[in-house]
Amino acid sequence: MPNPRNLNYVLGVIGSAMKELSLSTDIRIPAIQCIAISKRTNLPGDGISWFIDISDYSTRSPSQQKEFLDAMLAEIYLFPYWREVLNVLGLDPIHIDLQEDLDKAIKIRSGGESESHRKFKEFVSKNPLVLGLKDSLPNGILEHVLPSADVIDILFIDQSLKIGVEVKSHISPPEDILRGIFQCVKYKHLIEAKQIVDNELPNSRIILALEGRLPEKFIIAKNLLGIEVVDNIQMSKEKSIEE
């Protein structure tokens, strides 16, 4: 949307359409509007409570709402009849073709860390606010090693919440940014797997931090995979790592 605005009415219309289709087809269609979340809370707005089966959703704690949202998202992603829903509504599915970029991403070989990547990574680790995180968080752990021997650029710890960050500097080509999206998918599962074997509740966020802008052609892939991206991060001179 070139002119972002309040989406309450739009999402309400979508929710009502799904309920009407459910009644007319005797197939329970998930509340797909759950995928629209607030950047501030990472949760849908309170209006979602009109379209779900939990009457006290709006009074539950954010963590309880997040658990319910994860279950709803799983139901949405696994629902096998979305193409039929589109057909009934007279809509065409969106087709994306990123094969050329994926082929380039697969061929990337690490040649060691660039100076641009190092500076950007260290800046982000000391400035969680640029990611929309609490400024009071301790500095992020750099080059955190996961049980699989994969290494994530930064790990912030906010009590029981683990926040992994993969960074790409301004010199990263598009295929490396696409690779970063897929790296984030892997890191989330690895971090939560470690929490599970440590007898902790799986509780993580994964962010792809970009010094440049996310290429528009990757927005759909980012949304389909549920990856949180913060782009166009400016390194301020007064907080630079050298100082």
Protein backbone atom coordinates (compact mmCIF):
# COMPACT_ATOMS: atom_id res chain seq x y z
CA MET A 1 0.00 0.00 0.00
CA PRO A 2 1.70 3.23 -1.13
CA ASN A 3 -0.30 5.20 1.46
CA PRO A 4 -0.38 3.06 4.63
CA ARG A 5 -3.38 3.64 6.85
CA ASN A 6 -5.50 1.94 9.45
CA LEU A 7 -6.43 -1.54 8.23
CA ASN A 8 -9.18 -2.34 10.74
CA TYR A 9 -11.96 -2.03 8.16
CA VAL A 10 -10.06 -3.92 5.46
CA LEU A 11 -9.18 -6.80 7.79
CA GLY A 12 -12.73 -6.87 9.10
CA VAL A 13 -14.08 -7.27 5.56
CA ILE A 14 -11.66 -10.13 4.93
CA GLY A 15 -12.65 -11.80 8.20
CA SER A 16 -16.34 -11.49 7.41
CA ALA A 17 -15.79 -12.96 3.94
CA MET A 18 -14.01 -15.96 5.43
CA LYS A 19 -16.83 -16.54 7.93
CA GLU A 20 -19.48 -16.32 5.19
CA LEU A 21 -17.55 -18.77 3.01
CA SER A 22 -17.16 -21.14 5.96
CA LEU A 23 -20.91 -21.15 6.51
CA SER A 24 -21.73 -21.66 2.83
CA THR A 25 -19.22 -24.46 2.27
CA ASP A 26 -19.27 -26.21 5.67
CA ILE A 27 -15.46 -25.94 5.65
CA ARG A 28 -13.84 -24.05 8.50
CA ILE A 29 -11.65 -21.44 6.83
CA PRO A 30 -8.92 -20.07 9.11
CA ALA A 31 -8.88 -16.37 9.99
CA ILE A 32 -6.23 -15.42 7.43
CA GLN A 33 -6.24 -11.81 8.64
CA CYS A 34 -4.16 -13.09 11.59
CA ILE A 35 -1.09 -12.72 9.39
CA ALA A 36 -1.45 -8.92 9.58
CA ILE A 37 0.35 -7.93 12.78
CA SER A 38 1.44 -4.76 14.51
CA LYS A 39 5.12 -3.84 14.23
CA ARG A 40 4.96 -2.69 17.85
CA THR A 41 3.47 -5.84 19.40
CA ASN A 42 4.04 -8.50 16.71
CA LEU A 43 0.39 -9.45 17.28
CA PRO A 44 -2.88 -8.85 15.40
CA GLY A 45 -5.11 -6.04 16.60
CA ASP A 46 -7.84 -6.62 19.18
CA GLY A 47 -10.41 -6.80 16.37
CA ILE A 48 -9.26 -10.34 15.67
CA SER A 49 -11.23 -11.46 18.72
CA TRP A 50 -14.45 -11.08 16.65
CA PHE A 51 -13.33 -13.87 14.34
CA ILE A 52 -11.76 -16.49 16.60
CA ASP A 53 -13.13 -19.04 19.04
CA ILE A 54 -11.48 -17.69 22.20
CA SER A 55 -13.80 -15.15 23.78
CA ASP A 56 -11.24 -13.80 26.28
CA TYR A 57 -8.42 -13.37 23.72
CA SER A 58 -8.11 -9.60 24.26
CA THR A 59 -7.68 -10.03 28.04
CA ARG A 60 -4.92 -12.63 27.78
CA SER A 61 -1.27 -11.79 28.31
CA PRO A 62 0.88 -11.00 25.23
CA SER A 63 2.74 -14.30 25.63
CA GLN A 64 -0.55 -16.24 25.74
CA GLN A 65 -1.79 -14.33 22.69
CA LYS A 66 1.48 -15.17 20.90
CA GLU A 67 1.00 -18.89 21.63
CA PHE A 68 -2.52 -18.73 20.21
CA LEU A 69 -1.29 -16.75 17.19
CA ASP A 70 1.38 -19.37 16.43
CA ALA A 71 -1.31 -22.07 16.43
CA MET A 72 -3.52 -19.93 14.17
CA LEU A 73 -0.64 -19.29 11.75
CA ALA A 74 0.11 -23.01 11.55
CA GLU A 75 -3.55 -23.64 10.70
CA ILE A 76 -3.45 -20.91 8.03
CA TYR A 77 -0.27 -22.22 6.43
CA LEU A 78 -1.51 -25.83 6.38
CA PHE A 79 -5.02 -25.06 5.08
CA PRO A 80 -5.22 -26.93 1.74
CA TYR A 81 -8.00 -24.97 0.02
CA TRP A 82 -6.69 -21.42 -0.36
CA ARG A 83 -6.74 -21.68 -4.17
CA GLU A 84 -10.39 -22.67 -4.00
CA VAL A 85 -11.06 -19.66 -1.76
CA LEU A 86 -9.36 -17.38 -4.29
CA ASN A 87 -11.40 -18.95 -7.08
CA VAL A 88 -14.70 -18.34 -5.26
CA LEU A 89 -13.68 -14.71 -4.66
CA GLY A 90 -12.63 -14.23 -8.29
CA LEU A 91 -8.98 -13.62 -7.36
CA ASP A 92 -5.80 -14.94 -8.96
CA PRO A 93 -2.93 -16.35 -6.87
CA ILE A 94 0.33 -14.38 -6.77
CA HIS A 95 3.16 -16.10 -8.58
CA ILE A 96 6.78 -15.41 -7.68
CA ASP A 97 9.84 -16.58 -9.53
CA LEU A 98 13.06 -16.16 -7.59
CA GLN A 99 14.86 -19.10 -9.14
CA GLU A 100 17.65 -16.98 -10.65
CA ASP A 101 18.31 -15.30 -7.30
CA LEU A 102 18.10 -18.63 -5.48
CA ASP A 103 20.64 -20.16 -7.87
CA LYS A 104 23.02 -17.27 -7.13
CA ALA A 105 22.41 -17.57 -3.37
CA ILE A 106 23.27 -21.28 -3.44
CA LYS A 107 26.62 -20.51 -5.09
CA ILE A 108 27.73 -17.99 -2.47
CA ARG A 109 30.89 -19.10 -0.74
CA SER A 110 32.23 -17.41 2.35
CA GLY A 111 35.43 -15.51 1.70
CA GLY A 112 35.83 -14.24 5.24
CA GLU A 113 34.09 -11.37 6.95
CA SER A 114 34.23 -7.97 5.24
CA GLU A 115 35.04 -4.84 7.20
CA SER A 116 31.60 -3.43 6.33
CA HIS A 117 29.88 -6.48 7.79
CA ARG A 118 31.99 -6.40 10.94
CA LYS A 119 31.31 -2.72 11.62
CA PHE A 120 27.59 -3.04 10.97
CA LYS A 121 27.30 -6.19 13.10
CA GLU A 122 29.08 -4.57 16.04
CA PHE A 123 27.01 -1.40 15.73
CA VAL A 124 23.73 -3.33 15.81
CA SER A 125 24.91 -5.43 18.76
CA LYS A 126 25.35 -2.25 20.83
CA ASN A 127 22.23 -0.46 19.57
CA PRO A 128 19.15 -2.71 19.95
CA LEU A 129 16.94 0.35 19.55
CA VAL A 130 17.61 0.40 15.79
CA LEU A 131 15.80 -2.95 15.63
CA GLY A 132 12.85 -1.69 17.64
CA LEU A 133 14.09 -3.54 20.73
CA LYS A 134 14.43 -2.11 24.23
CA ASP A 135 17.40 0.23 24.56
CA SER A 136 18.00 -1.25 28.02
CA LEU A 137 18.89 -4.69 26.64
CA PRO A 138 22.45 -5.86 27.33
CA ASN A 139 24.78 -5.78 24.35
CA GLY A 140 24.13 -8.63 21.95
CA ILE A 141 26.42 -11.65 21.93
CA LEU A 142 28.48 -11.65 18.75
CA GLU A 143 29.01 -14.78 16.65
CA HIS A 144 26.83 -16.99 18.83
CA VAL A 145 27.46 -20.66 18.06
CA LEU A 146 24.39 -22.91 17.85
CA PRO A 147 24.41 -26.66 18.62
CA SER A 148 24.57 -27.44 14.90
CA ALA A 149 27.80 -25.39 14.69
CA ASP A 150 25.92 -22.74 12.71
CA VAL A 151 26.87 -19.23 13.82
CA ILE A 152 24.36 -16.40 14.08
CA ASP A 153 25.73 -12.85 13.93
CA ILE A 154 24.09 -11.53 17.12
CA LEU A 155 22.05 -12.96 19.97
CA PHE A 156 20.18 -10.66 22.35
CA ILE A 157 18.77 -12.16 25.54
CA ASP A 158 15.66 -10.59 27.04
CA GLN A 159 14.85 -12.80 30.04
CA SER A 160 13.37 -15.99 28.50
CA LEU A 161 13.21 -14.47 25.02
CA LYS A 162 16.13 -15.14 22.67
CA ILE A 163 16.43 -12.65 19.82
CA GLY A 164 18.70 -13.76 17.00
CA VAL A 165 19.89 -11.25 14.42
CA GLU A 166 21.43 -11.93 11.03
CA VAL A 167 22.99 -8.80 9.54
CA LYS A 168 23.75 -7.79 5.97
CA SER A 169 25.77 -4.64 5.31
CA HIS A 170 25.27 -2.15 2.48
CA ILE A 171 27.65 -4.12 0.23
CA SER A 172 25.58 -7.32 0.36
CA PRO A 173 24.19 -8.17 -3.10
CA PRO A 174 20.52 -9.15 -3.50
CA GLU A 175 21.28 -12.87 -3.55
CA ASP A 176 23.05 -12.61 -0.19
CA ILE A 177 20.01 -10.85 1.29
CA LEU A 178 17.80 -13.66 -0.04
CA ARG A 179 20.20 -16.14 1.52
CA GLY A 180 19.83 -14.23 4.79
CA ILE A 181 16.05 -14.72 4.70
CA PHE A 182 16.56 -18.48 4.53
CA GLN A 183 19.27 -18.36 7.19
CA CYS A 184 16.72 -16.76 9.53
CA VAL A 185 14.32 -19.67 8.95
CA LYS A 186 17.07 -22.07 10.05
CA TYR A 187 18.21 -20.02 13.04
CA LYS A 188 14.72 -19.79 14.54
CA HIS A 189 14.32 -23.57 14.58
CA LEU A 190 17.82 -24.10 15.96
CA ILE A 191 17.44 -21.58 18.78
CA GLU A 192 14.07 -22.99 19.81
CA ALA A 193 15.37 -26.57 19.58
CA LYS A 194 18.10 -25.62 22.05
CA GLN A 195 15.52 -24.08 24.36
CA ILE A 196 13.45 -27.26 24.25
CA VAL A 197 16.36 -29.55 25.19
CA ASP A 198 17.24 -27.09 27.97
CA ASN A 199 13.72 -27.61 29.39
CA GLU A 200 12.72 -24.07 28.41
CA LEU A 201 9.64 -22.99 26.51
CA PRO A 202 10.58 -22.22 22.90
CA ASN A 203 10.52 -18.43 22.81
CA SER A 204 12.46 -16.61 20.12
CA ARG A 205 12.47 -13.84 17.56
CA ILE A 206 14.71 -13.76 14.52
CA ILE A 207 15.45 -10.50 12.73
CA LEU A 208 17.22 -9.87 9.45
CA ALA A 209 18.94 -6.49 9.87
CA LEU A 210 19.85 -4.69 6.64
CA GLU A 211 21.99 -1.61 6.29
CA GLY A 212 20.46 -1.15 2.84
CA ARG A 213 16.90 -1.69 1.68
CA LEU A 214 15.13 -5.00 1.23
CA PRO A 215 14.73 -5.54 -2.52
CA GLU A 216 11.06 -5.24 -3.38
CA LYS A 217 11.09 -8.58 -5.21
CA PHE A 218 11.89 -10.35 -1.92
CA ILE A 219 8.98 -8.88 0.07
CA ILE A 220 6.62 -11.73 -0.85
CA ALA A 221 9.20 -14.37 0.11
CA LYS A 222 9.83 -12.59 3.41
CA ASN A 223 6.10 -12.53 4.13
CA LEU A 224 5.50 -16.14 3.08
CA LEU A 225 8.29 -17.35 5.36
CA GLY A 226 7.29 -15.05 8.23
CA ILE A 227 10.70 -13.39 8.51
CA GLU A 228 11.03 -10.13 10.42
CA VAL A 229 13.16 -7.64 8.47
CA VAL A 230 14.44 -4.25 9.62
CA ASP A 231 16.07 -2.42 6.73
CA ASN A 232 17.70 0.91 5.92
CA ILE A 233 19.49 1.01 9.29
CA GLN A 234 21.78 4.02 9.53
CA MET A 235 24.94 3.79 11.61
CA SER A 236 25.17 7.06 13.54
CA LYS A 237 28.65 8.52 13.97
CA GLU A 238 28.16 9.29 17.64
CA LYS A 239 27.49 5.60 18.38
CA SER A 240 30.00 4.09 15.99
CA ILE A 241 32.00 1.16 17.28
CA GLU A 242 35.29 3.01 16.90
CA GLU A 243 34.19 5.48 19.55
